[in-house]
Structure formats: structure tokens, C-alpha cells
N, C-alpha and C. Protein backbone atom coordinates (compact mmCIF):
# COMPACT_ATOMS: atom_id res chain seq x y z
N MET A 1 1.03 -1.00 -0.29
CA MET A 1 -0.13 -0.09 0.02
C MET A 1 1.00 1.46 0.08
N LEU A 2 0.66 2.04 -0.54
CA LEU A 2 1.16 3.25 -1.20
C LEU A 2 0.89 4.47 0.06
N THR A 3 1.85 5.32 0.85
CA THR A 3 0.91 6.67 1.15
C THR A 3 0.80 7.90 0.46
N PRO A 4 0.25 8.67 0.75
CA PRO A 4 -0.61 9.47 -0.15
C PRO A 4 0.90 10.33 -1.14
N ALA A 5 1.75 10.40 -0.07
CA ALA A 5 3.02 11.43 -0.79
C ALA A 5 3.82 10.22 -1.81
N GLN A 6 3.72 9.07 -1.54
CA GLN A 6 4.38 8.10 -2.80
C GLN A 6 3.29 7.69 -3.96
N GLN A 7 2.08 7.97 -3.88
CA GLN A 7 1.45 8.10 -4.54
C GLN A 7 1.23 9.39 -5.51
N GLN A 8 1.51 10.49 -4.62
CA GLN A 8 1.62 11.41 -5.84
C GLN A 8 2.77 11.94 -6.22
N ALA A 9 3.93 11.17 -6.17
CA ALA A 9 5.27 11.14 -6.56
C ALA A 9 5.13 10.41 -8.07
N LEU A 10 4.42 9.60 -7.46
CA LEU A 10 4.18 8.08 -9.00
C LEU A 10 3.44 9.38 -9.85
N ASP A 11 2.09 9.94 -9.12
CA ASP A 11 1.33 10.24 -10.26
C ASP A 11 2.22 12.00 -10.75
N THR A 12 2.86 12.15 -10.63
CA THR A 12 3.90 13.43 -11.18
C THR A 12 4.68 12.70 -12.11
N LEU A 13 5.55 11.57 -11.55
CA LEU A 13 6.17 11.21 -12.45
C LEU A 13 5.43 10.78 -13.69
N PHE A 14 4.71 9.97 -13.74
CA PHE A 14 4.32 9.40 -14.73
C PHE A 14 2.80 9.99 -15.61
N SER A 15 2.37 11.03 -14.91
CA SER A 15 1.12 11.10 -15.42
C SER A 15 1.21 12.15 -16.92
N GLN A 16 2.55 12.57 -16.92
CA GLN A 16 3.41 13.34 -18.08
C GLN A 16 4.26 12.79 -19.33
N PRO A 17 3.65 13.16 -20.51
CA PRO A 17 4.59 12.74 -21.63
C PRO A 17 6.17 12.90 -20.94
N ALA A 18 7.33 12.65 -21.50
CA ALA A 18 8.73 13.14 -20.90
C ALA A 18 8.93 14.50 -21.70
N ALA A 19 8.11 15.06 -23.34
CA ALA A 19 8.67 15.78 -23.63
C ALA A 19 7.88 17.39 -22.75
N GLN A 20 6.44 17.05 -22.79
CA GLN A 20 5.55 17.84 -21.50
C GLN A 20 6.24 17.98 -20.45
N ALA A 21 6.67 17.17 -20.01
CA ALA A 21 7.33 17.06 -18.57
C ALA A 21 8.36 18.21 -18.31
N THR A 22 9.15 17.96 -19.78
CA THR A 22 10.47 19.10 -19.51
C THR A 22 10.33 20.03 -20.04
N ALA A 23 8.86 20.45 -20.84
CA ALA A 23 8.92 22.15 -21.04
C ALA A 23 7.90 22.15 -19.81
N ASN A 24 7.47 22.00 -19.10
CA ASN A 24 6.93 22.30 -17.68
C ASN A 24 7.57 22.75 -17.06
N ALA A 25 9.02 21.75 -16.92
CA ALA A 25 10.20 22.13 -16.11
C ALA A 25 9.86 21.91 -14.63
N LEU A 26 9.07 20.97 -14.37
CA LEU A 26 8.71 20.63 -13.13
C LEU A 26 9.83 20.12 -12.20
N PRO A 27 10.01 20.16 -10.85
CA PRO A 27 11.24 19.72 -10.16
C PRO A 27 11.08 18.24 -10.00
N ALA A 28 12.12 17.44 -10.40
CA ALA A 28 11.41 16.13 -10.08
C ALA A 28 11.52 15.62 -8.71
N PRO A 29 10.79 14.72 -8.17
CA PRO A 29 10.88 14.21 -6.91
C PRO A 29 11.65 13.70 -6.35
N ASP A 30 12.21 13.96 -5.46
CA ASP A 30 13.42 13.25 -4.52
C ASP A 30 12.93 11.89 -3.87
N MET A 31 13.14 10.72 -4.98
CA MET A 31 12.48 9.88 -4.75
C MET A 31 13.16 8.77 -3.46
N LEU A 32 14.46 9.51 -3.29
CA LEU A 32 14.56 8.90 -1.51
C LEU A 32 13.83 9.41 -0.91
N GLN A 33 13.49 10.79 -0.65
CA GLN A 33 12.64 11.45 0.32
C GLN A 33 11.30 10.77 0.39
N THR A 34 10.73 10.47 -0.64
CA THR A 34 9.31 9.75 -0.74
C THR A 34 9.15 8.33 -0.46
N TRP A 35 10.32 7.62 -0.96
CA TRP A 35 10.22 5.99 -0.92
C TRP A 35 10.50 6.11 0.85
N LEU A 36 11.92 6.64 1.28
CA LEU A 36 12.52 6.20 2.58
C LEU A 36 12.65 7.32 3.62
N GLY A 37 12.05 8.15 3.37
CA GLY A 37 12.20 9.18 4.33
C GLY A 37 13.07 9.86 4.50
N ILE A 38 14.35 9.73 3.72
CA ILE A 38 15.35 10.71 3.72
C ILE A 38 16.22 10.92 2.66
N SER A 39 16.29 12.54 2.33
CA SER A 39 16.49 13.04 1.06
C SER A 39 17.91 12.58 0.26
N GLY A 40 18.16 12.87 -0.47
CA GLY A 40 19.72 12.65 -1.16
C GLY A 40 20.90 13.37 -0.41
N ASP A 41 20.23 14.75 -0.21
CA ASP A 41 20.91 15.31 0.56
C ASP A 41 21.34 15.44 1.71
N GLN A 42 20.65 14.51 2.82
CA GLN A 42 21.04 13.82 3.99
C GLN A 42 21.59 12.84 3.85
N LEU A 43 21.35 11.93 3.30
CA LEU A 43 22.21 11.08 2.40
C LEU A 43 23.56 10.95 2.23
N GLN A 44 23.89 12.14 1.41
CA GLN A 44 25.28 12.44 1.11
C GLN A 44 26.08 12.99 2.53
N ASP A 45 25.05 14.05 3.23
CA ASP A 45 25.69 14.28 4.60
C ASP A 45 26.00 13.49 5.32
N THR A 46 25.19 12.41 5.96
CA THR A 46 25.56 11.49 6.58
C THR A 46 27.01 10.43 5.87
N TRP A 47 26.78 10.29 4.65
CA TRP A 47 28.19 9.33 3.95
C TRP A 47 29.35 10.15 4.22
N ARG A 48 29.32 11.64 4.01
CA ARG A 48 30.79 12.24 3.99
C ARG A 48 30.93 12.45 5.97
N GLY A 49 29.70 12.21 6.34
CA GLY A 49 30.29 12.39 7.99
C GLY A 49 30.98 11.29 8.53
N LEU A 50 30.41 9.75 7.92
CA LEU A 50 31.08 8.86 8.04
C LEU A 50 32.45 8.32 7.49
N LEU A 51 32.64 9.18 6.25
CA LEU A 51 34.06 8.91 5.35
C LEU A 51 34.93 9.89 6.50
N ALA A 52 34.56 11.11 6.84
CA ALA A 52 35.09 12.30 7.57
C ALA A 52 35.88 11.40 9.12
N HIS A 53 35.51 10.04 9.79
CA HIS A 53 36.34 9.33 10.56
C HIS A 53 36.55 8.30 9.99
N LYS A 54 36.47 7.94 8.95
CA LYS A 54 37.18 6.46 8.29
C LYS A 54 38.33 5.91 9.01
N ASP A 55 39.22 6.50 8.53
CA ASP A 55 40.77 6.17 9.58
C ASP A 55 40.78 5.94 10.93
N GLN A 56 39.91 7.00 11.73
CA GLN A 56 40.05 6.45 12.97
C GLN A 56 39.45 5.20 13.24
N TRP A 57 38.08 4.85 12.52
CA TRP A 57 37.62 3.67 12.83
C TRP A 57 38.07 2.34 12.46
N GLU A 58 38.77 2.98 11.48
CA GLU A 58 39.45 1.64 10.35
C GLU A 58 40.72 1.43 11.17
N GLY A 59 41.52 2.09 11.80
CA GLY A 59 42.91 1.81 12.80
C GLY A 59 42.19 1.44 13.90
N ALA A 60 41.31 1.78 14.52
CA ALA A 60 40.91 0.64 16.16
C ALA A 60 40.62 -0.36 15.52
N PHE A 61 39.08 -0.74 14.66
CA PHE A 61 38.87 -1.93 14.13
C PHE A 61 40.60 -2.91 13.99
N LEU A 62 41.55 -2.53 13.01
CA LEU A 62 42.84 -2.96 12.96
C LEU A 62 43.29 -3.44 14.02
N ASP A 63 43.46 -2.33 15.11
CA ASP A 63 44.33 -2.92 16.29
C ASP A 63 43.09 -3.83 17.00
N TRP A 64 42.07 -3.99 17.23
CA TRP A 64 41.42 -4.40 17.84
C TRP A 64 41.52 -6.23 16.92
N ALA A 65 41.50 -6.06 15.97
CA ALA A 65 41.53 -7.48 15.52
C ALA A 65 43.30 -8.03 15.17
N GLU A 66 44.00 -7.05 15.29
CA GLU A 66 45.45 -7.50 15.74
C GLU A 66 45.66 -8.37 16.83
N ARG A 67 44.94 -7.70 17.92
CA ARG A 67 45.18 -8.20 19.44
C ARG A 67 44.31 -9.46 19.76
N ASN A 68 43.23 -9.42 19.14
CA ASN A 68 41.98 -10.30 19.00
C ASN A 68 41.84 -11.59 17.49
N PRO A 69 42.86 -11.82 17.37
CA PRO A 69 42.41 -12.65 15.87
C PRO A 69 41.56 -13.49 15.50
N LEU A 70 41.38 -14.25 16.56
CA LEU A 70 40.36 -15.27 16.45
C LEU A 70 39.09 -14.88 16.97
N ASP A 71 38.49 -13.92 17.75
CA ASP A 71 37.80 -13.29 17.93
C ASP A 71 37.29 -12.34 16.32
N ALA A 72 37.74 -11.96 15.83
CA ALA A 72 37.56 -10.83 14.97
C ALA A 72 37.18 -11.67 13.88
N VAL A 73 37.85 -12.89 13.38
CA VAL A 73 37.18 -13.87 12.14
C VAL A 73 35.95 -14.14 12.73
N PHE A 74 35.85 -14.73 13.82
CA PHE A 74 34.44 -15.40 14.52
C PHE A 74 33.06 -14.56 14.13
N SER A 75 33.80 -13.20 15.02
CA SER A 75 32.62 -11.77 14.83
C SER A 75 32.39 -11.31 13.44
N PHE A 76 33.82 -11.41 12.27
CA PHE A 76 33.29 -11.32 11.10
C PHE A 76 31.58 -12.63 10.12
N LEU A 77 32.69 -14.24 10.52
CA LEU A 77 31.96 -14.90 10.14
C LEU A 77 30.97 -14.44 10.50
N GLY A 78 30.44 -14.58 12.09
CA GLY A 78 29.11 -14.51 12.63
C GLY A 78 28.11 -13.58 12.10
N THR A 79 29.04 -12.30 11.42
CA THR A 79 27.98 -11.23 11.15
C THR A 79 27.90 -11.61 10.14
N THR A 80 28.74 -11.53 8.85
CA THR A 80 28.62 -11.95 7.57
C THR A 80 27.24 -12.88 7.13
N ALA A 81 27.76 -14.04 8.25
CA ALA A 81 26.28 -15.09 8.24
C ALA A 81 24.92 -14.44 8.56
N VAL A 82 24.68 -13.98 9.30
CA VAL A 82 23.30 -13.22 9.59
C VAL A 82 23.20 -12.29 8.65
N ALA A 83 23.93 -11.27 7.80
CA ALA A 83 23.39 -10.71 6.63
C ALA A 83 22.94 -11.57 5.51
N PHE A 84 23.84 -12.47 5.09
CA PHE A 84 23.73 -13.42 4.14
C PHE A 84 22.46 -14.25 4.54
N TYR A 85 22.10 -14.67 6.07
CA TYR A 85 20.89 -15.11 6.01
C TYR A 85 19.47 -14.61 5.52
N GLN A 86 19.61 -12.90 6.12
CA GLN A 86 18.69 -12.30 5.77
C GLN A 86 18.66 -12.22 4.35
N ALA A 87 19.62 -12.18 3.56
CA ALA A 87 19.47 -11.57 2.33
C ALA A 87 18.86 -13.11 1.51
N GLU A 88 19.41 -14.23 1.89
CA GLU A 88 18.75 -15.67 1.13
C GLU A 88 17.47 -16.66 1.78
N LYS A 89 17.52 -16.20 2.76
CA LYS A 89 16.14 -17.28 3.47
C LYS A 89 14.88 -17.14 3.07
N GLU A 90 14.56 -16.10 1.84
CA GLU A 90 13.36 -16.21 1.29
C GLU A 90 13.38 -16.56 -0.39
N ALA A 91 14.55 -16.65 -0.51
CA ALA A 91 14.77 -16.95 -1.85
C ALA A 91 15.46 -18.16 -2.10
N ASN A 92 16.39 -18.49 -1.43
CA ASN A 92 17.47 -19.72 -1.77
C ASN A 92 16.54 -20.64 -1.16
N PRO A 93 16.48 -22.12 -1.36
CA PRO A 93 15.74 -23.53 -0.73
C PRO A 93 17.06 -23.77 0.24
N GLY A 94 18.17 -23.76 -0.16
CA GLY A 94 19.39 -24.20 0.46
C GLY A 94 19.73 -23.71 1.71
N ILE A 95 18.76 -22.29 2.15
CA ILE A 95 19.26 -21.50 3.23
C ILE A 95 18.42 -21.47 4.13
N ASN A 96 17.75 -22.57 4.89
CA ASN A 96 16.53 -22.89 5.94
C ASN A 96 16.76 -22.20 7.32
N THR A 97 17.85 -22.20 7.35
CA THR A 97 18.49 -21.72 8.86
C THR A 97 19.82 -20.94 8.95
N TYR A 98 19.68 -20.10 10.19
CA TYR A 98 21.45 -19.28 10.54
C TYR A 98 22.37 -20.25 10.31
N ILE A 99 22.33 -21.89 10.61
CA ILE A 99 23.49 -22.60 10.59
C ILE A 99 23.85 -22.75 9.19
N ASP A 100 22.70 -23.05 8.06
CA ASP A 100 23.01 -23.17 6.96
C ASP A 100 23.62 -21.82 6.33
N ALA A 101 23.40 -20.94 6.89
CA ALA A 101 24.28 -19.33 6.31
C ALA A 101 25.33 -19.45 6.82
N PHE A 102 25.80 -19.96 8.13
CA PHE A 102 27.05 -20.14 8.55
C PHE A 102 27.77 -20.81 7.87
N TYR A 103 27.54 -22.15 7.90
CA TYR A 103 28.12 -22.96 6.96
C TYR A 103 28.67 -22.39 5.68
N TYR A 104 27.51 -21.92 4.56
CA TYR A 104 28.07 -21.53 3.48
C TYR A 104 29.07 -20.11 3.37
N ILE A 105 29.26 -19.31 4.54
CA ILE A 105 30.01 -18.68 4.68
C ILE A 105 30.93 -19.00 5.04
N ALA A 106 31.60 -19.78 5.91
CA ALA A 106 32.61 -20.49 6.49
C ALA A 106 33.23 -21.11 5.37
N THR A 107 32.46 -22.07 4.01
CA THR A 107 33.06 -22.27 3.52
C THR A 107 33.89 -21.00 2.78
N CYS A 108 33.02 -19.93 2.40
CA CYS A 108 33.38 -19.22 1.45
C CYS A 108 34.80 -18.73 2.20
N ALA A 109 35.13 -18.63 3.49
CA ALA A 109 36.44 -17.89 4.19
C ALA A 109 37.81 -19.24 3.92
N SER A 110 37.12 -20.52 3.46
CA SER A 110 38.24 -21.21 3.54
C SER A 110 38.22 -22.03 2.19
N VAL A 111 37.75 -23.57 1.89
CA VAL A 111 38.21 -23.79 1.01
C VAL A 111 37.39 -23.31 -0.19
N GLY A 112 36.21 -22.91 0.07
CA GLY A 112 35.36 -22.41 -1.15
C GLY A 112 34.16 -23.51 -1.61
N TYR A 113 34.17 -24.67 -0.99
CA TYR A 113 33.05 -25.93 -1.51
C TYR A 113 32.30 -25.40 -0.77
N ALA A 114 30.48 -25.81 -1.52
CA ALA A 114 29.48 -25.53 -0.89
C ALA A 114 28.61 -26.10 -1.55
N ASP A 115 27.87 -26.88 -1.38
CA ASP A 115 26.38 -27.79 -2.03
C ASP A 115 25.51 -26.37 -2.15
N VAL A 116 25.74 -25.36 -1.38
CA VAL A 116 24.89 -24.15 -1.75
C VAL A 116 25.47 -22.97 -2.17
N PHE A 117 24.58 -22.20 -2.96
CA PHE A 117 25.31 -21.13 -3.65
C PHE A 117 24.28 -19.80 -3.56
N ALA A 118 24.62 -18.39 -3.47
CA ALA A 118 23.94 -17.89 -3.19
C ALA A 118 23.05 -17.43 -4.76
N VAL A 119 21.81 -16.65 -4.45
CA VAL A 119 21.07 -16.63 -5.80
C VAL A 119 20.80 -14.98 -5.83
N THR A 120 20.64 -14.00 -4.55
CA THR A 120 20.13 -12.52 -4.51
C THR A 120 21.45 -12.18 -4.69
N GLN A 121 21.47 -10.72 -5.32
CA GLN A 121 22.38 -9.89 -5.42
C GLN A 121 22.96 -9.28 -4.30
N ARG A 122 22.19 -9.66 -3.19
CA ARG A 122 22.93 -9.12 -1.67
C ARG A 122 23.73 -10.07 -1.15
N GLY A 123 23.23 -11.76 -1.54
CA GLY A 123 23.95 -12.54 -1.00
C GLY A 123 25.23 -12.88 -1.93
N LYS A 124 24.99 -12.36 -2.95
CA LYS A 124 26.93 -12.53 -3.91
C LYS A 124 27.67 -11.62 -3.49
N ALA A 125 27.13 -10.10 -2.95
CA ALA A 125 28.24 -9.20 -2.62
C ALA A 125 28.57 -9.65 -1.28
N ILE A 126 27.81 -10.35 -0.42
CA ILE A 126 28.23 -10.68 0.92
C ILE A 126 29.30 -11.57 0.82
N ALA A 127 28.90 -12.97 -0.06
CA ALA A 127 29.95 -14.01 -0.10
C ALA A 127 30.68 -13.80 -0.82
N SER A 128 31.09 -12.38 -1.68
CA SER A 128 32.17 -11.80 -2.50
C SER A 128 33.16 -11.26 -1.46
N LEU A 129 32.78 -10.50 -0.54
CA LEU A 129 33.43 -9.70 0.88
C LEU A 129 34.35 -10.86 1.38
N VAL A 130 33.00 -11.85 1.78
CA VAL A 130 33.70 -12.63 2.51
C VAL A 130 34.65 -13.41 1.91
N MET A 131 34.82 -14.07 0.68
CA MET A 131 35.77 -14.62 -0.12
C MET A 131 37.02 -13.28 -0.19
N VAL A 132 36.94 -12.63 0.11
CA VAL A 132 38.45 -11.05 0.08
C VAL A 132 38.96 -11.24 1.05
N ILE A 133 38.03 -11.43 2.11
CA ILE A 133 38.22 -10.70 3.41
C ILE A 133 38.91 -12.29 4.04
N GLY A 134 37.94 -12.99 3.99
CA GLY A 134 37.81 -14.22 5.18
C GLY A 134 39.13 -15.28 5.27
N PRO A 135 39.95 -15.48 3.94
CA PRO A 135 41.04 -15.96 4.33
C PRO A 135 42.05 -15.58 4.99
N ALA A 136 41.80 -14.51 4.32
CA ALA A 136 43.28 -13.55 5.20
C ALA A 136 42.62 -13.02 6.51
N LEU A 137 41.77 -12.97 6.95
CA LEU A 137 41.11 -13.21 8.80
C LEU A 137 41.52 -14.31 9.34
N ALA A 138 41.20 -15.71 8.84
CA ALA A 138 41.65 -17.09 9.00
C ALA A 138 42.88 -17.44 9.01
N ASP A 139 43.85 -16.78 8.40
CA ASP A 139 44.77 -17.45 8.45
C ASP A 139 45.51 -16.31 9.82
N ARG A 140 45.21 -15.12 10.13
CA ARG A 140 45.74 -14.56 10.84
C ARG A 140 45.58 -14.72 11.93
N SER A 141 43.97 -15.56 12.44
CA SER A 141 44.00 -16.30 13.37
C SER A 141 44.75 -17.17 13.87
N ILE A 142 45.23 -17.97 12.62
CA ILE A 142 45.78 -19.70 13.24
C ILE A 142 47.19 -19.18 13.09
N ASN A 143 47.80 -18.63 11.86
CA ASN A 143 49.00 -17.84 12.13
C ASN A 143 49.76 -16.68 12.82
N HIS A 144 49.63 -16.32 13.84
CA HIS A 144 49.64 -14.77 14.37
C HIS A 144 50.89 -14.77 14.48
N PRO A 145 51.85 -13.68 14.08
CA PRO A 145 52.90 -13.80 14.02
C PRO A 145 53.66 -13.05 15.47
N ALA A 146 54.84 -13.52 15.81
CA ALA A 146 55.42 -13.11 16.71
C ALA A 146 55.72 -11.86 17.36
N ALA A 147 55.27 -11.28 17.90
CA ALA A 147 55.58 -9.80 18.68
C ALA A 147 57.13 -9.08 18.41
């Protein structure tokens, strides 16, 4: 069910032919504001604020992962398994429980063998992230270098 603002935005967007809409020069509705309640400008400001602190957060995370490599790998795998489960649970017949998702994610971080495959775009992105970062974290947790 659409809210009145969403319906109005759709009506405005699709009620006029493209040439007539250009001639009338109506400002295009901010679709993010209409559908998500946050404007494009607000999203950009939030993103810039996060990026301004990126180095600080990244340094803190890397220090924590260096001090606690086994915690880091299990936290990473556990978190990505939750995200993968949420992305795949309705679309993937092979993902029925969190344990199914954790099994798949753990194989992505190690040998790469699984009898389950990601089917959603979000699931594929999460699996790709795990395939890139997971092996390094797993290696670091097992082969922790001497200080």
C-alpha cells in the first residue's frame, strides 16, 4: 500500500509525457525522500560524516583484530552469516536456518566448496566480501605472528 506522498510522486512522475514534463520544467521529486524518508542531500551528508571518521574507525578495528585475531574471524563470519541469512532466507531453498548460512559463509572463507550458492544480489555481494577478506582473517587467527 502506498502512502499519499508516494502515490503523488508516482502520479507526478508518470502523468505527463516526457516532452511535456521537460517543457513544464517541474522539479523532479526526490525519490529517496518519498520512498525512504531521507533525502539525497541528507544521505550525502551522512555519508560524508562517516567518511570523515573512516581512518579513525579503521585504525581502531585493525588494532582490535590484531590483538584478538580469533575473535575477529568469528565476529566477521558470524556477522556476515547473519547478513547472508537475511539476504537469502526467502529466495534460496538451501538456506533454511542461520546454521545453513554460517556453513556457506565458513566455506567461502576457507576452501570455497559448498553445495549451496548465493542467488540474490545482496547474497552474492556478501559472499564476495567474505571470499576476499575471510581467508586473510582465518590465516591471521591461526598463524599469529610473533610480536
